[in-house]
Amino acid sequence: MAVAMYIFGFRSGWQWLFPNHPAIFIDLITFFVLYTIAFINANFAFKIQHLILVIIGISLLSVGIAAVTGSMEFDIQWMGKFPGSPENDFSGIGLWTVFVVFFPASTGIMAGANMSGELKNPRKNIPLGIMSAISVSVAIYLALAYWLAHSASVSELTKNYTVMIDKSAWGPAVLIGILGATFHLY
C-alpha cells in the first residue's frame, strides 16, 4: 500500500513538470523502474538510500531557509471550520484521511526495522532506532505543518498540491525531494 502512495506522490511531482503526461503511464513506468531496482540487486537498492537521504535533506533545507527568510507571512487559524479538498466538495477531512498522510512514515520505519539484521546489538538498537525514527518523523511533520500554516493561505493549502514547491526557498529542491522520496524504500 505504501508503494502505491509513493508512486502517486511521484506522479504529482512529475505532472507538475509535465502536465500532459497521462497518469496511468507515469504510474506504470514508475512501478517498473522501482521493481527493476529491487529485482536487480538489494545492495544497489540499499546504496540508493544514501543518495535519497541527501536529496530529502536538501529539500527540507530549502523549506527551512524559506521559513527564516520571510515566507511565513500568514497567521495560523487554530480553531474553526476548515475546508476539505476539492475532491470531497470541501466538506472537511476525517481522522482516517489525516492518518493516511502520516502512515507512510511508519511503513518506512518498519522497513528499516526489518533490515536491521546486521546490527551489533539488535536488542538495544532496534527499539532505539524505531523510537528515534518516530521522533524525527513527528518533529519534521509538525515543523512542516507549522511552516505551511504560516506560509500559505487556507485557499492555497486546499487547492494547490504543490504549495511546498511554490513556497520554498528553491522549488526545484523540493520537487526533486518529492520525486526522490518515491525511491526511499528500495
N, C-alpha and C. Protein backbone atom coordinates (compact mmCIF):
# COMPACT_ATOMS: atom_id res chain seq x y z
N MET A 1 0.82 -1.18 0.00
CA MET A 1 0.00 0.00 0.00
C MET A 1 0.88 1.26 0.00
N ALA A 2 1.94 1.24 0.76
CA ALA A 2 2.80 2.42 0.83
C ALA A 2 3.45 2.70 -0.52
N VAL A 3 3.84 1.65 -1.24
CA VAL A 3 4.48 1.86 -2.54
C VAL A 3 3.53 2.58 -3.49
N ALA A 4 2.26 2.21 -3.46
CA ALA A 4 1.27 2.88 -4.31
C ALA A 4 1.18 4.37 -3.95
N MET A 5 1.20 4.67 -2.67
CA MET A 5 1.13 6.09 -2.26
C MET A 5 2.38 6.85 -2.70
N TYR A 6 3.54 6.21 -2.63
CA TYR A 6 4.77 6.86 -3.08
C TYR A 6 4.72 7.10 -4.59
N ILE A 7 4.19 6.14 -5.32
CA ILE A 7 4.06 6.31 -6.77
C ILE A 7 3.11 7.47 -7.09
N PHE A 8 2.01 7.57 -6.35
CA PHE A 8 1.08 8.69 -6.58
C PHE A 8 1.75 10.02 -6.25
N GLY A 9 2.57 10.05 -5.21
CA GLY A 9 3.31 11.27 -4.88
C GLY A 9 4.30 11.62 -5.98
N PHE A 10 4.97 10.61 -6.52
CA PHE A 10 5.89 10.83 -7.63
C PHE A 10 5.13 11.39 -8.82
N ARG A 11 3.96 10.81 -9.09
CA ARG A 11 3.15 11.28 -10.22
C ARG A 11 2.77 12.75 -10.06
N SER A 12 2.40 13.16 -8.84
CA SER A 12 2.03 14.57 -8.61
C SER A 12 3.19 15.50 -8.96
N GLY A 13 4.38 15.15 -8.52
CA GLY A 13 5.55 15.97 -8.84
C GLY A 13 5.87 15.95 -10.33
N TRP A 14 5.77 14.77 -10.93
CA TRP A 14 6.07 14.64 -12.36
C TRP A 14 5.08 15.45 -13.19
N GLN A 15 3.79 15.36 -12.83
CA GLN A 15 2.79 16.09 -13.61
C GLN A 15 2.88 17.60 -13.38
N TRP A 16 3.51 18.02 -12.30
CA TRP A 16 3.77 19.44 -12.12
C TRP A 16 4.76 19.91 -13.18
N LEU A 17 5.73 19.02 -13.50
CA LEU A 17 6.70 19.33 -14.55
C LEU A 17 6.12 19.13 -15.95
N PHE A 18 5.40 18.02 -16.10
CA PHE A 18 4.87 17.63 -17.41
C PHE A 18 3.37 17.35 -17.30
N PRO A 19 2.55 18.39 -17.31
CA PRO A 19 1.12 18.21 -17.06
C PRO A 19 0.38 17.39 -18.12
N ASN A 20 0.95 17.23 -19.31
CA ASN A 20 0.26 16.49 -20.37
C ASN A 20 0.54 15.00 -20.36
N HIS A 21 1.43 14.53 -19.50
CA HIS A 21 1.73 13.10 -19.46
C HIS A 21 0.59 12.36 -18.76
N PRO A 22 0.09 11.28 -19.36
CA PRO A 22 -1.03 10.53 -18.76
C PRO A 22 -0.63 9.87 -17.44
N ALA A 23 -1.49 9.98 -16.45
CA ALA A 23 -1.20 9.47 -15.11
C ALA A 23 -0.92 7.98 -15.11
N ILE A 24 -1.69 7.20 -15.85
CA ILE A 24 -1.52 5.73 -15.82
C ILE A 24 -0.13 5.34 -16.34
N PHE A 25 0.36 6.03 -17.35
CA PHE A 25 1.69 5.72 -17.87
C PHE A 25 2.78 6.08 -16.87
N ILE A 26 2.64 7.21 -16.22
CA ILE A 26 3.61 7.61 -15.19
C ILE A 26 3.63 6.56 -14.09
N ASP A 27 2.45 6.14 -13.63
CA ASP A 27 2.36 5.14 -12.55
C ASP A 27 3.00 3.83 -12.96
N LEU A 28 2.69 3.34 -14.16
CA LEU A 28 3.22 2.05 -14.60
C LEU A 28 4.74 2.10 -14.80
N ILE A 29 5.22 3.14 -15.43
CA ILE A 29 6.66 3.26 -15.66
C ILE A 29 7.40 3.37 -14.33
N THR A 30 6.86 4.16 -13.41
CA THR A 30 7.49 4.30 -12.09
C THR A 30 7.51 2.96 -11.36
N PHE A 31 6.40 2.23 -11.41
CA PHE A 31 6.35 0.92 -10.77
C PHE A 31 7.41 -0.01 -11.34
N PHE A 32 7.53 -0.06 -12.66
CA PHE A 32 8.50 -0.97 -13.26
C PHE A 32 9.95 -0.54 -12.99
N VAL A 33 10.20 0.75 -12.89
CA VAL A 33 11.54 1.21 -12.51
C VAL A 33 11.86 0.76 -11.08
N LEU A 34 10.91 0.95 -10.17
CA LEU A 34 11.11 0.53 -8.78
C LEU A 34 11.29 -0.99 -8.69
N TYR A 35 10.48 -1.72 -9.42
CA TYR A 35 10.58 -3.18 -9.43
C TYR A 35 11.95 -3.61 -9.95
N THR A 36 12.41 -2.98 -11.01
CA THR A 36 13.70 -3.33 -11.59
C THR A 36 14.83 -3.05 -10.61
N ILE A 37 14.78 -1.91 -9.94
CA ILE A 37 15.81 -1.58 -8.94
C ILE A 37 15.83 -2.64 -7.84
N ALA A 38 14.66 -3.01 -7.34
CA ALA A 38 14.59 -4.00 -6.27
C ALA A 38 15.01 -5.38 -6.75
N PHE A 39 14.69 -5.71 -8.00
CA PHE A 39 14.97 -7.04 -8.53
C PHE A 39 16.44 -7.22 -8.87
N ILE A 40 17.08 -6.18 -9.37
CA ILE A 40 18.48 -6.28 -9.82
C ILE A 40 19.39 -6.69 -8.67
N ASN A 41 19.35 -5.92 -7.59
CA ASN A 41 20.30 -6.19 -6.52
C ASN A 41 19.88 -5.42 -5.27
N ALA A 42 19.78 -6.12 -4.17
CA ALA A 42 19.40 -5.47 -2.92
C ALA A 42 20.47 -4.47 -2.47
N ASN A 43 21.74 -4.78 -2.71
CA ASN A 43 22.81 -3.84 -2.34
C ASN A 43 22.69 -2.53 -3.11
N PHE A 44 22.39 -2.63 -4.40
CA PHE A 44 22.20 -1.43 -5.21
C PHE A 44 21.04 -0.60 -4.66
N ALA A 45 19.95 -1.27 -4.33
CA ALA A 45 18.78 -0.58 -3.77
C ALA A 45 19.14 0.08 -2.45
N PHE A 46 19.94 -0.60 -1.63
CA PHE A 46 20.34 -0.04 -0.34
C PHE A 46 21.25 1.18 -0.51
N LYS A 47 22.14 1.14 -1.50
CA LYS A 47 23.04 2.27 -1.73
C LYS A 47 22.28 3.50 -2.21
N ILE A 48 21.18 3.30 -2.90
CA ILE A 48 20.37 4.43 -3.35
C ILE A 48 19.83 5.21 -2.15
N GLN A 49 19.63 4.51 -1.03
CA GLN A 49 19.07 5.15 0.16
C GLN A 49 19.91 6.34 0.63
N HIS A 50 21.22 6.25 0.54
CA HIS A 50 22.09 7.35 0.97
C HIS A 50 21.88 8.58 0.09
N LEU A 51 21.77 8.36 -1.21
CA LEU A 51 21.51 9.47 -2.13
C LEU A 51 20.15 10.09 -1.84
N ILE A 52 19.14 9.27 -1.61
CA ILE A 52 17.79 9.76 -1.33
C ILE A 52 17.79 10.57 -0.03
N LEU A 53 18.52 10.12 0.98
CA LEU A 53 18.61 10.86 2.24
C LEU A 53 19.18 12.26 2.01
N VAL A 54 20.23 12.35 1.21
CA VAL A 54 20.83 13.66 0.91
C VAL A 54 19.83 14.53 0.15
N ILE A 55 19.14 13.96 -0.83
CA ILE A 55 18.17 14.72 -1.62
C ILE A 55 17.05 15.25 -0.73
N ILE A 56 16.50 14.41 0.13
CA ILE A 56 15.41 14.84 1.01
C ILE A 56 15.94 15.87 2.02
N GLY A 57 17.16 15.69 2.50
CA GLY A 57 17.76 16.68 3.40
C GLY A 57 17.88 18.05 2.74
N ILE A 58 18.32 18.08 1.48
CA ILE A 58 18.42 19.36 0.76
C ILE A 58 17.03 19.96 0.57
N SER A 59 16.05 19.13 0.30
CA SER A 59 14.67 19.59 0.15
C SER A 59 14.17 20.24 1.44
N LEU A 60 14.41 19.59 2.56
CA LEU A 60 13.99 20.15 3.85
C LEU A 60 14.78 21.42 4.18
N LEU A 61 16.04 21.47 3.79
CA LEU A 61 16.85 22.67 3.99
C LEU A 61 16.26 23.85 3.20
N SER A 62 15.78 23.60 2.00
CA SER A 62 15.14 24.65 1.21
C SER A 62 13.90 25.19 1.91
N VAL A 63 13.14 24.31 2.55
CA VAL A 63 11.97 24.74 3.32
C VAL A 63 12.42 25.55 4.53
N GLY A 64 13.45 25.08 5.22
CA GLY A 64 13.96 25.79 6.40
C GLY A 64 14.48 27.17 6.06
N ILE A 65 15.18 27.28 4.94
CA ILE A 65 15.68 28.59 4.51
C ILE A 65 14.50 29.53 4.22
N ALA A 66 13.47 29.01 3.57
CA ALA A 66 12.29 29.84 3.29
C ALA A 66 11.64 30.31 4.59
N ALA A 67 11.63 29.44 5.59
CA ALA A 67 11.00 29.80 6.87
C ALA A 67 11.71 30.95 7.55
N VAL A 68 13.04 30.96 7.49
CA VAL A 68 13.78 32.01 8.19
C VAL A 68 14.00 33.26 7.33
N THR A 69 13.67 33.18 6.05
CA THR A 69 13.88 34.35 5.18
C THR A 69 12.58 35.05 4.81
N GLY A 70 11.51 34.77 5.53
CA GLY A 70 10.32 35.58 5.36
C GLY A 70 9.13 34.97 4.67
N SER A 71 9.11 33.66 4.46
CA SER A 71 7.93 33.08 3.80
C SER A 71 6.73 32.98 4.73
N MET A 72 6.97 33.06 6.03
CA MET A 72 5.88 32.86 7.00
C MET A 72 5.17 34.19 7.25
N GLU A 73 4.21 34.50 6.39
CA GLU A 73 3.52 35.79 6.44
C GLU A 73 2.07 35.70 6.89
N PHE A 74 1.55 34.50 7.11
CA PHE A 74 0.16 34.32 7.50
C PHE A 74 0.05 33.97 8.98
N ASP A 75 -1.04 34.40 9.60
CA ASP A 75 -1.34 33.98 10.96
C ASP A 75 -2.03 32.63 10.92
N ILE A 76 -1.75 31.81 11.92
CA ILE A 76 -2.37 30.49 11.98
C ILE A 76 -3.79 30.62 12.51
N GLN A 77 -4.70 29.93 11.86
CA GLN A 77 -6.08 29.85 12.35
C GLN A 77 -6.18 28.53 13.11
N TRP A 78 -6.13 28.61 14.44
CA TRP A 78 -6.09 27.41 15.27
C TRP A 78 -7.43 26.73 15.40
N MET A 79 -8.50 27.48 15.43
CA MET A 79 -9.83 26.91 15.64
C MET A 79 -10.75 27.35 14.50
N GLY A 80 -11.79 26.57 14.27
CA GLY A 80 -12.77 26.93 13.27
C GLY A 80 -13.01 25.80 12.30
N LYS A 81 -13.89 26.04 11.35
CA LYS A 81 -14.18 25.04 10.32
C LYS A 81 -13.16 25.17 9.21
N PHE A 82 -12.52 24.07 8.89
CA PHE A 82 -11.54 24.08 7.83
C PHE A 82 -12.09 23.31 6.65
N PRO A 83 -11.97 23.87 5.47
CA PRO A 83 -12.49 23.17 4.29
C PRO A 83 -11.62 21.98 3.95
N GLY A 84 -12.23 21.02 3.29
CA GLY A 84 -11.50 19.84 2.82
C GLY A 84 -10.88 20.12 1.47
N SER A 85 -10.72 19.08 0.70
CA SER A 85 -10.10 19.23 -0.61
C SER A 85 -11.16 19.35 -1.69
N PRO A 86 -10.77 19.77 -2.89
CA PRO A 86 -11.75 19.89 -3.97
C PRO A 86 -12.44 18.56 -4.29
N GLU A 87 -11.75 17.44 -4.09
CA GLU A 87 -12.33 16.13 -4.42
C GLU A 87 -13.54 15.79 -3.56
N ASN A 88 -13.61 16.29 -2.34
CA ASN A 88 -14.77 15.97 -1.49
C ASN A 88 -15.66 17.19 -1.28
N ASP A 89 -15.67 18.07 -2.27
CA ASP A 89 -16.51 19.27 -2.24
C ASP A 89 -16.29 20.12 -0.99
N PHE A 90 -15.09 20.13 -0.49
CA PHE A 90 -14.72 20.96 0.66
C PHE A 90 -15.57 20.66 1.89
N SER A 91 -15.95 19.39 2.06
CA SER A 91 -16.83 19.04 3.19
C SER A 91 -16.06 18.78 4.47
N GLY A 92 -14.77 18.74 4.42
CA GLY A 92 -13.98 18.50 5.62
C GLY A 92 -13.21 17.21 5.51
N ILE A 93 -12.30 17.03 6.42
CA ILE A 93 -11.44 15.85 6.40
C ILE A 93 -11.58 15.12 7.72
N GLY A 94 -11.71 13.81 7.65
CA GLY A 94 -11.86 12.99 8.84
C GLY A 94 -10.53 12.47 9.35
N LEU A 95 -10.59 11.79 10.47
CA LEU A 95 -9.41 11.25 11.11
C LEU A 95 -8.63 10.32 10.18
N TRP A 96 -9.31 9.42 9.49
CA TRP A 96 -8.62 8.43 8.68
C TRP A 96 -7.92 9.05 7.48
N THR A 97 -8.48 10.11 6.95
CA THR A 97 -7.81 10.80 5.84
C THR A 97 -6.51 11.43 6.32
N VAL A 98 -6.54 12.03 7.47
CA VAL A 98 -5.32 12.62 8.03
C VAL A 98 -4.32 11.52 8.39
N PHE A 99 -4.82 10.39 8.90
CA PHE A 99 -3.96 9.26 9.25
C PHE A 99 -3.18 8.77 8.03
N VAL A 100 -3.84 8.74 6.88
CA VAL A 100 -3.20 8.27 5.66
C VAL A 100 -2.01 9.14 5.28
N VAL A 101 -2.06 10.42 5.62
CA VAL A 101 -0.94 11.31 5.32
C VAL A 101 0.29 10.91 6.14
N PHE A 102 0.09 10.52 7.38
CA PHE A 102 1.20 10.17 8.26
C PHE A 102 1.62 8.70 8.17
N PHE A 103 0.78 7.85 7.59
CA PHE A 103 1.05 6.42 7.54
C PHE A 103 2.35 6.06 6.83
N PRO A 104 2.71 6.71 5.72
CA PRO A 104 3.96 6.32 5.05
C PRO A 104 5.19 6.41 5.93
N ALA A 105 5.24 7.34 6.87
CA ALA A 105 6.40 7.42 7.76
C ALA A 105 6.54 6.14 8.56
N SER A 106 5.42 5.59 9.02
CA SER A 106 5.51 4.36 9.82
C SER A 106 5.89 3.17 8.97
N THR A 107 5.48 3.13 7.70
CA THR A 107 5.87 2.00 6.86
C THR A 107 7.37 2.05 6.59
N GLY A 108 7.91 3.24 6.41
CA GLY A 108 9.35 3.37 6.22
C GLY A 108 10.12 2.95 7.45
N ILE A 109 9.59 3.26 8.61
CA ILE A 109 10.22 2.88 9.87
C ILE A 109 10.24 1.36 10.00
N MET A 110 9.14 0.73 9.66
CA MET A 110 9.08 -0.74 9.76
C MET A 110 10.01 -1.38 8.73
N ALA A 111 10.12 -0.79 7.55
CA ALA A 111 11.05 -1.32 6.55
C ALA A 111 12.47 -1.25 7.09
N GLY A 112 12.80 -0.16 7.77
CA GLY A 112 14.12 -0.04 8.38
C GLY A 112 14.35 -1.06 9.47
N ALA A 113 13.32 -1.30 10.28
CA ALA A 113 13.43 -2.30 11.35
C ALA A 113 13.62 -3.69 10.77
N ASN A 114 12.98 -3.97 9.66
CA ASN A 114 13.10 -5.29 9.04
C ASN A 114 14.47 -5.51 8.41
N MET A 115 15.20 -4.44 8.10
CA MET A 115 16.53 -4.56 7.51
C MET A 115 17.63 -4.50 8.56
N SER A 116 17.30 -4.68 9.80
CA SER A 116 18.26 -4.44 10.88
C SER A 116 18.99 -5.69 11.35
N GLY A 117 19.05 -6.71 10.53
CA GLY A 117 19.67 -7.97 10.93
C GLY A 117 21.17 -7.90 11.15
N GLU A 118 21.82 -6.89 10.66
CA GLU A 118 23.27 -6.79 10.77
C GLU A 118 23.73 -5.89 11.91
N LEU A 119 22.85 -5.51 12.79
CA LEU A 119 23.22 -4.65 13.90
C LEU A 119 24.07 -5.42 14.91
N LYS A 120 24.99 -4.73 15.57
CA LYS A 120 25.84 -5.38 16.57
C LYS A 120 25.05 -5.74 17.82
N ASN A 121 24.14 -4.88 18.23
CA ASN A 121 23.34 -5.12 19.42
C ASN A 121 21.86 -4.87 19.10
N PRO A 122 21.22 -5.81 18.37
CA PRO A 122 19.85 -5.58 17.91
C PRO A 122 18.86 -5.36 19.05
N ARG A 123 19.08 -6.01 20.17
CA ARG A 123 18.15 -5.89 21.30
C ARG A 123 18.06 -4.44 21.79
N LYS A 124 19.16 -3.72 21.73
CA LYS A 124 19.18 -2.32 22.14
C LYS A 124 18.89 -1.38 20.96
N ASN A 125 19.53 -1.67 19.82
CA ASN A 125 19.49 -0.74 18.69
C ASN A 125 18.15 -0.68 17.96
N ILE A 126 17.42 -1.80 17.88
CA ILE A 126 16.13 -1.79 17.17
C ILE A 126 15.13 -0.88 17.88
N PRO A 127 14.88 -1.06 19.19
CA PRO A 127 13.93 -0.13 19.84
C PRO A 127 14.40 1.33 19.81
N LEU A 128 15.71 1.54 20.01
CA LEU A 128 16.24 2.90 19.98
C LEU A 128 16.08 3.51 18.58
N GLY A 129 16.37 2.73 17.57
CA GLY A 129 16.23 3.20 16.19
C GLY A 129 14.79 3.51 15.82
N ILE A 130 13.87 2.63 16.22
CA ILE A 130 12.45 2.85 15.92
C ILE A 130 11.95 4.09 16.63
N MET A 131 12.26 4.24 17.91
CA MET A 131 11.78 5.41 18.65
C MET A 131 12.42 6.70 18.11
N SER A 132 13.68 6.63 17.73
CA SER A 132 14.34 7.81 17.14
C SER A 132 13.70 8.18 15.81
N ALA A 133 13.43 7.17 14.98
CA ALA A 133 12.81 7.43 13.68
C ALA A 133 11.41 8.03 13.84
N ILE A 134 10.64 7.51 14.78
CA ILE A 134 9.31 8.05 15.03
C ILE A 134 9.42 9.49 15.51
N SER A 135 10.33 9.76 16.43
CA SER A 135 10.50 11.12 16.96
C SER A 135 10.91 12.10 15.87
N VAL A 136 11.86 11.71 15.04
CA VAL A 136 12.31 12.59 13.95
C VAL A 136 11.17 12.82 12.95
N SER A 137 10.45 11.75 12.61
CA SER A 137 9.32 11.88 11.66
C SER A 137 8.26 12.83 12.19
N VAL A 138 7.88 12.66 13.45
CA VAL A 138 6.86 13.53 14.04
C VAL A 138 7.35 14.98 14.07
N ALA A 139 8.60 15.18 14.45
CA ALA A 139 9.15 16.55 14.50
C ALA A 139 9.13 17.20 13.12
N ILE A 140 9.52 16.45 12.09
CA ILE A 140 9.53 17.00 10.74
C ILE A 140 8.11 17.30 10.27
N TYR A 141 7.18 16.35 10.50
CA TYR A 141 5.79 16.58 10.10
C TYR A 141 5.20 17.81 10.81
N LEU A 142 5.44 17.94 12.10
CA LEU A 142 4.90 19.09 12.84
C LEU A 142 5.55 20.40 12.38
N ALA A 143 6.85 20.38 12.14
CA ALA A 143 7.53 21.60 11.66
C ALA A 143 7.01 21.99 10.28
N LEU A 144 6.80 21.02 9.40
CA LEU A 144 6.26 21.32 8.07
C LEU A 144 4.84 21.86 8.16
N ALA A 145 4.02 21.27 9.04
CA ALA A 145 2.65 21.75 9.21
C ALA A 145 2.66 23.19 9.72
N TYR A 146 3.52 23.48 10.69
CA TYR A 146 3.63 24.83 11.24
C TYR A 146 4.08 25.81 10.16
N TRP A 147 5.10 25.42 9.39
CA TRP A 147 5.60 26.28 8.32
C TRP A 147 4.53 26.53 7.26
N LEU A 148 3.84 25.46 6.84
CA LEU A 148 2.80 25.63 5.83
C LEU A 148 1.66 26.50 6.33
N ALA A 149 1.29 26.34 7.60
CA ALA A 149 0.20 27.15 8.16
C ALA A 149 0.56 28.63 8.15
N HIS A 150 1.84 28.95 8.31
CA HIS A 150 2.29 30.34 8.30
C HIS A 150 2.66 30.84 6.90
N SER A 151 2.89 29.93 5.96
CA SER A 151 3.41 30.33 4.66
C SER A 151 2.38 30.36 3.54
N ALA A 152 1.22 29.78 3.75
CA ALA A 152 0.22 29.70 2.68
C ALA A 152 -1.17 29.99 3.24
N SER A 153 -2.02 30.52 2.39
CA SER A 153 -3.40 30.79 2.79
C SER A 153 -4.18 29.48 2.83
N VAL A 154 -5.33 29.51 3.47
CA VAL A 154 -6.19 28.32 3.52
C VAL A 154 -6.55 27.90 2.10
N SER A 155 -6.82 28.85 1.25
CA SER A 155 -7.17 28.55 -0.14
C SER A 155 -6.02 27.84 -0.86
N GLU A 156 -4.80 28.32 -0.67
CA GLU A 156 -3.64 27.67 -1.29
C GLU A 156 -3.45 26.26 -0.75
N LEU A 157 -3.63 26.09 0.54
CA LEU A 157 -3.42 24.77 1.15
C LEU A 157 -4.44 23.75 0.68
N THR A 158 -5.65 24.18 0.34
CA THR A 158 -6.68 23.23 -0.08
C THR A 158 -6.72 23.01 -1.58
N LYS A 159 -6.16 23.92 -2.36
CA LYS A 159 -6.28 23.80 -3.81
C LYS A 159 -4.96 23.54 -4.53
N ASN A 160 -3.86 23.91 -3.93
CA ASN A 160 -2.56 23.81 -4.60
C ASN A 160 -1.76 22.67 -3.99
N TYR A 161 -1.70 21.55 -4.69
CA TYR A 161 -1.00 20.38 -4.17
C TYR A 161 0.52 20.52 -4.22
N THR A 162 1.01 21.53 -4.87
CA THR A 162 2.46 21.75 -4.93
C THR A 162 2.85 23.03 -4.20
N VAL A 163 2.11 23.36 -3.16
CA VAL A 163 2.35 24.60 -2.43
C VAL A 163 3.74 24.61 -1.78
N MET A 164 4.25 23.46 -1.38
CA MET A 164 5.59 23.42 -0.79
C MET A 164 6.66 23.80 -1.81
N ILE A 165 6.45 23.38 -3.05
CA ILE A 165 7.39 23.75 -4.11
C ILE A 165 7.36 25.26 -4.32
N ASP A 166 6.15 25.80 -4.35
CA ASP A 166 5.98 27.23 -4.61
C ASP A 166 6.50 28.11 -3.48
N LYS A 167 6.41 27.66 -2.25
CA LYS A 167 6.75 28.50 -1.09
C LYS A 167 8.16 28.29 -0.56
N SER A 168 8.86 27.28 -1.04
CA SER A 168 10.20 27.01 -0.53
C SER A 168 11.21 28.00 -1.11
N ALA A 169 12.40 28.02 -0.53
CA ALA A 169 13.45 28.93 -1.00
C ALA A 169 13.89 28.57 -2.41
N TRP A 170 14.00 27.28 -2.69
CA TRP A 170 14.39 26.81 -4.01
C TRP A 170 13.48 25.66 -4.38
N GLY A 171 12.45 25.95 -5.15
CA GLY A 171 11.42 24.98 -5.52
C GLY A 171 11.94 23.69 -6.13
N PRO A 172 12.92 23.75 -7.04
CA PRO A 172 13.42 22.50 -7.63
C PRO A 172 13.95 21.51 -6.59
N ALA A 173 14.51 21.99 -5.48
CA ALA A 173 15.00 21.08 -4.44
C ALA A 173 13.85 20.31 -3.83
N VAL A 174 12.72 20.98 -3.59
CA VAL A 174 11.56 20.30 -3.01
C VAL A 174 10.98 19.33 -4.03
N LEU A 175 10.91 19.74 -5.29
CA LEU A 175 10.40 18.85 -6.33
C LEU A 175 11.26 17.60 -6.45
N ILE A 176 12.57 17.77 -6.45
CA ILE A 176 13.47 16.61 -6.51
C ILE A 176 13.30 15.75 -5.26
N GLY A 177 13.08 16.38 -4.10
CA GLY A 177 12.82 15.63 -2.88
C GLY A 177 11.55 14.81 -2.97
N ILE A 178 10.49 15.39 -3.54
CA ILE A 178 9.23 14.65 -3.73
C ILE A 178 9.45 13.47 -4.66
N LEU A 179 10.13 13.73 -5.78
CA LEU A 179 10.38 12.65 -6.73
C LEU A 179 11.31 11.60 -6.12
N GLY A 180 12.32 12.03 -5.39
CA GLY A 180 13.26 11.09 -4.78
C GLY A 180 12.66 10.26 -3.67
N ALA A 181 11.68 10.82 -2.95
CA ALA A 181 11.06 10.09 -1.84
C ALA A 181 10.37 8.82 -2.32
N THR A 182 10.01 8.76 -3.58
CA THR A 182 9.41 7.56 -4.15
C THR A 182 10.34 6.37 -4.02
N PHE A 183 11.63 6.62 -4.09
CA PHE A 183 12.60 5.53 -4.11
C PHE A 183 13.17 5.21 -2.73
N HIS A 184 12.63 5.78 -1.67
CA HIS A 184 13.27 5.62 -0.37
C HIS A 184 13.11 4.23 0.24
N LEU A 185 12.18 3.43 -0.22
CA LEU A 185 12.04 2.08 0.35
C LEU A 185 12.83 1.04 -0.41
N TYR A 186 13.49 1.45 -1.47
CA TYR A 186 14.17 0.46 -2.29
C TYR A 186 15.65 0.54 -2.18
